[in-house]
Amino acid sequence: MHRVRISSSARRPGGFTLIETALATIIVGVGVLAMVSAFQAFHRQNHWSSHAAIAERLGNEIRELTMNLPRHDPVTGTAFWGPEPGENWVGDYNDLDDFDGDGAGLVFSADLGNGPINARREIIPSMAGWTQYVRVFNVDPFEINGGAVAPASTATMMVEVIVTWTPPDEADEIEMTTVRWIAPN
């Protein structure tokens, strides 16, 4: 009599075991979670870079606006720091020190209804949450990073624009960029 030997693989019915199915489900699930996580990270990074680009643009709008202004008023000279009497809004500002306001700087914000502004002194529409803080101050020409010195004490002036963004449904603003430059002579 001949005995036929049946191998163990031939005895097993076709299909997957419960353990194999569970393991495959876990592997696919981890892969899907990794893809979703990568997509969220990409989306956050893209969102941040878009806002950083907007902030740079808003800072450079002020730079372009002030680039060709004289440092001090052509009529009153250094007698006034900040806007001269009768200069009540940004359209009246005719010299660089006007942009320091009363010494505390100027704020152009959608929340205040006066900004942010572009280089043509116009409010940019649909910019809720964005703010431009502008300061103008004199600096020591030999140590420009040393901070402000008394107004009109040197001929070297620095302009600083800090651009912030307040996300919807949040109270705290985020400083997005700071743009500084030395005013040309």
Protein backbone atom coordinates (compact mmCIF):
# COMPACT_ATOMS: atom_id res chain seq x y z
CA MET A 1 0.00 0.00 0.00
CA HIS A 2 1.15 3.33 -0.86
CA ARG A 3 0.87 6.10 1.60
CA VAL A 4 0.44 9.54 0.27
CA ARG A 5 2.00 12.11 2.40
CA ILE A 6 0.10 15.35 2.60
CA SER A 7 2.19 18.36 3.44
CA SER A 8 1.02 20.75 6.08
CA SER A 9 0.54 23.54 3.55
CA ALA A 10 -1.75 21.39 1.51
CA ARG A 11 -3.96 20.66 4.47
CA ARG A 12 -4.63 24.26 5.32
CA PRO A 13 -7.66 25.89 3.74
CA GLY A 14 -7.09 28.98 1.57
CA GLY A 15 -7.42 32.57 2.90
CA PHE A 16 -5.87 34.64 5.67
CA THR A 17 -5.78 33.96 9.34
CA LEU A 18 -7.18 36.41 11.82
CA ILE A 19 -3.69 37.43 12.93
CA GLU A 20 -2.57 38.11 9.35
CA THR A 21 -5.67 40.24 8.72
CA ALA A 22 -5.18 42.22 11.93
CA LEU A 23 -1.52 42.83 11.14
CA ALA A 24 -2.34 44.01 7.61
CA THR A 25 -5.00 46.36 9.00
CA ILE A 26 -2.53 47.86 11.47
CA ILE A 27 0.12 48.38 8.77
CA VAL A 28 -2.35 50.09 6.42
CA GLY A 29 -3.73 52.19 9.30
CA VAL A 30 -0.26 53.39 10.32
CA GLY A 31 0.46 54.30 6.70
CA VAL A 32 -2.75 56.30 6.38
CA LEU A 33 -2.09 58.11 9.69
CA ALA A 34 1.44 58.97 8.55
CA MET A 35 0.09 60.42 5.30
CA VAL A 36 -2.55 62.48 7.11
CA SER A 37 0.05 63.76 9.57
CA ALA A 38 2.40 64.73 6.74
CA PHE A 39 -0.42 66.53 4.94
CA GLN A 40 -1.33 68.49 8.09
CA ALA A 41 2.32 69.48 8.62
CA PHE A 42 2.54 70.62 5.00
CA HIS A 43 -0.69 72.58 5.34
CA ARG A 44 0.52 74.34 8.53
CA GLN A 45 3.88 75.17 6.95
CA ASN A 46 2.23 76.48 3.80
CA HIS A 47 -0.19 78.58 5.88
CA TRP A 48 2.70 80.05 7.90
CA SER A 49 4.77 80.86 4.81
CA SER A 50 1.81 82.61 3.19
CA HIS A 51 1.37 84.79 6.26
CA ALA A 52 5.11 85.48 6.48
CA ALA A 53 5.06 86.68 2.86
CA ILE A 54 2.09 88.97 3.57
CA ALA A 55 3.92 90.39 6.59
CA GLU A 56 7.04 91.13 4.55
CA ARG A 57 4.89 92.84 1.94
CA LEU A 58 3.20 95.02 4.56
CA GLY A 59 6.56 96.02 6.05
CA ASN A 60 7.93 96.91 2.64
CA GLU A 61 4.82 98.94 1.76
CA ILE A 62 5.81 101.38 4.53
CA ARG A 63 9.41 101.32 3.35
CA GLU A 64 8.35 102.22 -0.17
CA LEU A 65 6.03 104.94 1.16
CA THR A 66 8.78 106.63 3.20
CA MET A 67 11.75 106.03 0.91
CA ASN A 68 11.81 109.43 -0.79
CA LEU A 69 10.56 111.61 2.05
CA PRO A 70 12.90 114.16 3.60
CA ARG A 71 13.90 113.41 7.18
CA HIS A 72 12.35 116.60 8.57
CA ASP A 73 9.66 119.00 7.43
CA PRO A 74 10.84 121.27 4.60
CA VAL A 75 9.24 124.31 6.27
CA THR A 76 9.64 123.82 10.03
CA GLY A 77 12.82 121.72 9.96
CA THR A 78 13.57 120.06 13.30
CA ALA A 79 11.24 122.31 15.30
CA PHE A 80 8.66 119.48 15.48
CA TRP A 81 9.22 115.78 15.94
CA GLY A 82 6.21 113.95 14.61
CA PRO A 83 3.37 115.45 12.61
CA GLU A 84 3.34 119.23 12.40
CA PRO A 85 0.15 121.10 13.38
CA GLY A 86 -2.52 120.47 10.77
CA GLU A 87 -1.10 117.09 9.71
CA ASN A 88 -3.87 114.87 11.00
CA TRP A 89 -3.67 111.75 8.88
CA VAL A 90 -1.14 109.77 6.86
CA GLY A 91 -2.08 111.61 3.65
CA ASP A 92 -0.73 114.84 5.19
CA TYR A 93 2.63 113.41 6.29
CA ASN A 94 5.35 115.05 4.22
CA ASP A 95 8.49 114.03 6.11
CA LEU A 96 9.90 110.96 7.77
CA ASP A 97 9.64 112.06 11.40
CA ASP A 98 5.86 112.47 10.94
CA PHE A 99 5.67 108.66 10.92
CA ASP A 100 6.79 108.49 14.54
CA GLY A 101 3.54 110.12 15.63
CA ASP A 102 3.90 111.67 19.06
CA GLY A 103 7.10 109.75 19.77
CA ALA A 104 5.38 106.44 20.42
CA GLY A 105 5.09 105.48 16.76
CA LEU A 106 2.07 104.99 14.55
CA VAL A 107 -0.28 102.05 14.31
CA PHE A 108 -2.09 101.13 11.10
CA SER A 109 -4.58 98.38 11.75
CA ALA A 110 -7.76 96.91 10.32
CA ASP A 111 -9.12 96.82 13.86
CA LEU A 112 -8.62 100.60 14.17
CA GLY A 113 -10.05 101.20 10.70
CA ASN A 114 -6.92 103.00 9.47
CA GLY A 115 -4.92 100.22 7.89
CA PRO A 116 -2.89 98.38 7.10
CA ILE A 117 -1.77 100.81 4.43
CA ASN A 118 0.09 100.50 1.17
CA ALA A 119 2.77 102.72 -0.39
CA ARG A 120 0.08 104.98 -1.88
CA ARG A 121 -1.24 105.74 1.63
CA GLU A 122 -4.42 103.74 0.98
CA ILE A 123 -6.00 101.25 3.34
CA ILE A 124 -5.59 97.73 2.00
CA PRO A 125 -9.04 96.08 2.11
CA SER A 126 -9.76 92.63 3.54
CA MET A 127 -6.77 92.56 5.87
CA ALA A 128 -8.54 91.80 9.16
CA GLY A 129 -6.13 90.91 11.93
CA TRP A 130 -3.10 92.64 10.37
CA THR A 131 -1.31 95.58 12.03
CA GLN A 132 1.68 97.73 11.07
CA TYR A 133 3.56 99.41 13.95
CA VAL A 134 5.85 102.17 12.67
CA ARG A 135 8.61 103.88 14.65
CA VAL A 136 11.12 106.44 13.47
CA PHE A 137 14.09 107.34 15.64
CA ASN A 138 17.55 108.80 15.51
CA VAL A 139 20.51 106.48 15.99
CA ASP A 140 24.20 106.97 16.58
CA PRO A 141 25.76 106.69 13.10
CA PHE A 142 28.70 104.75 14.53
CA GLU A 143 26.54 102.29 16.47
CA ILE A 144 23.25 101.87 14.63
CA ASN A 145 22.29 98.80 16.67
CA GLY A 146 22.77 100.68 19.92
CA GLY A 147 19.18 101.91 20.01
CA ALA A 148 17.48 105.26 19.81
CA VAL A 149 19.09 108.56 20.77
CA ALA A 150 17.39 111.91 21.37
CA PRO A 151 15.22 113.14 18.46
CA ALA A 152 17.10 115.29 15.95
CA SER A 153 20.38 114.72 17.86
CA THR A 154 21.99 113.03 14.84
CA ALA A 155 21.33 113.08 11.12
CA THR A 156 21.03 109.28 11.01
CA MET A 157 17.46 108.05 11.24
CA MET A 158 16.16 104.50 11.41
CA VAL A 159 12.66 103.37 10.50
CA GLU A 160 11.25 100.24 12.10
CA VAL A 161 8.06 98.49 11.02
CA ILE A 162 6.74 95.59 13.09
CA VAL A 163 3.98 93.64 11.38
CA THR A 164 1.68 91.49 13.50
CA TRP A 165 -1.22 89.19 12.78
CA THR A 166 -4.04 88.19 15.08
CA PRO A 167 -5.60 84.91 13.95
CA PRO A 168 -9.41 84.73 13.90
CA ASP A 169 -10.97 83.79 17.24
CA GLU A 170 -7.71 84.53 19.13
CA ALA A 171 -6.85 87.49 21.32
CA ASP A 172 -3.04 87.44 21.10
CA GLU A 173 -1.29 88.90 18.11
CA ILE A 174 1.72 87.17 16.59
CA GLU A 175 4.74 89.22 15.52
CA MET A 176 5.30 88.09 11.96
CA THR A 177 8.22 90.27 10.89
CA THR A 178 10.28 93.32 11.74
CA VAL A 179 11.69 95.43 8.93
CA ARG A 180 14.31 98.11 9.72
CA TRP A 181 16.30 100.42 7.51
CA ILE A 182 18.44 103.52 7.72
CA ALA A 183 16.82 106.48 6.03
CA PRO A 184 18.84 107.68 3.04
CA ASN A 185 20.50 111.07 3.28
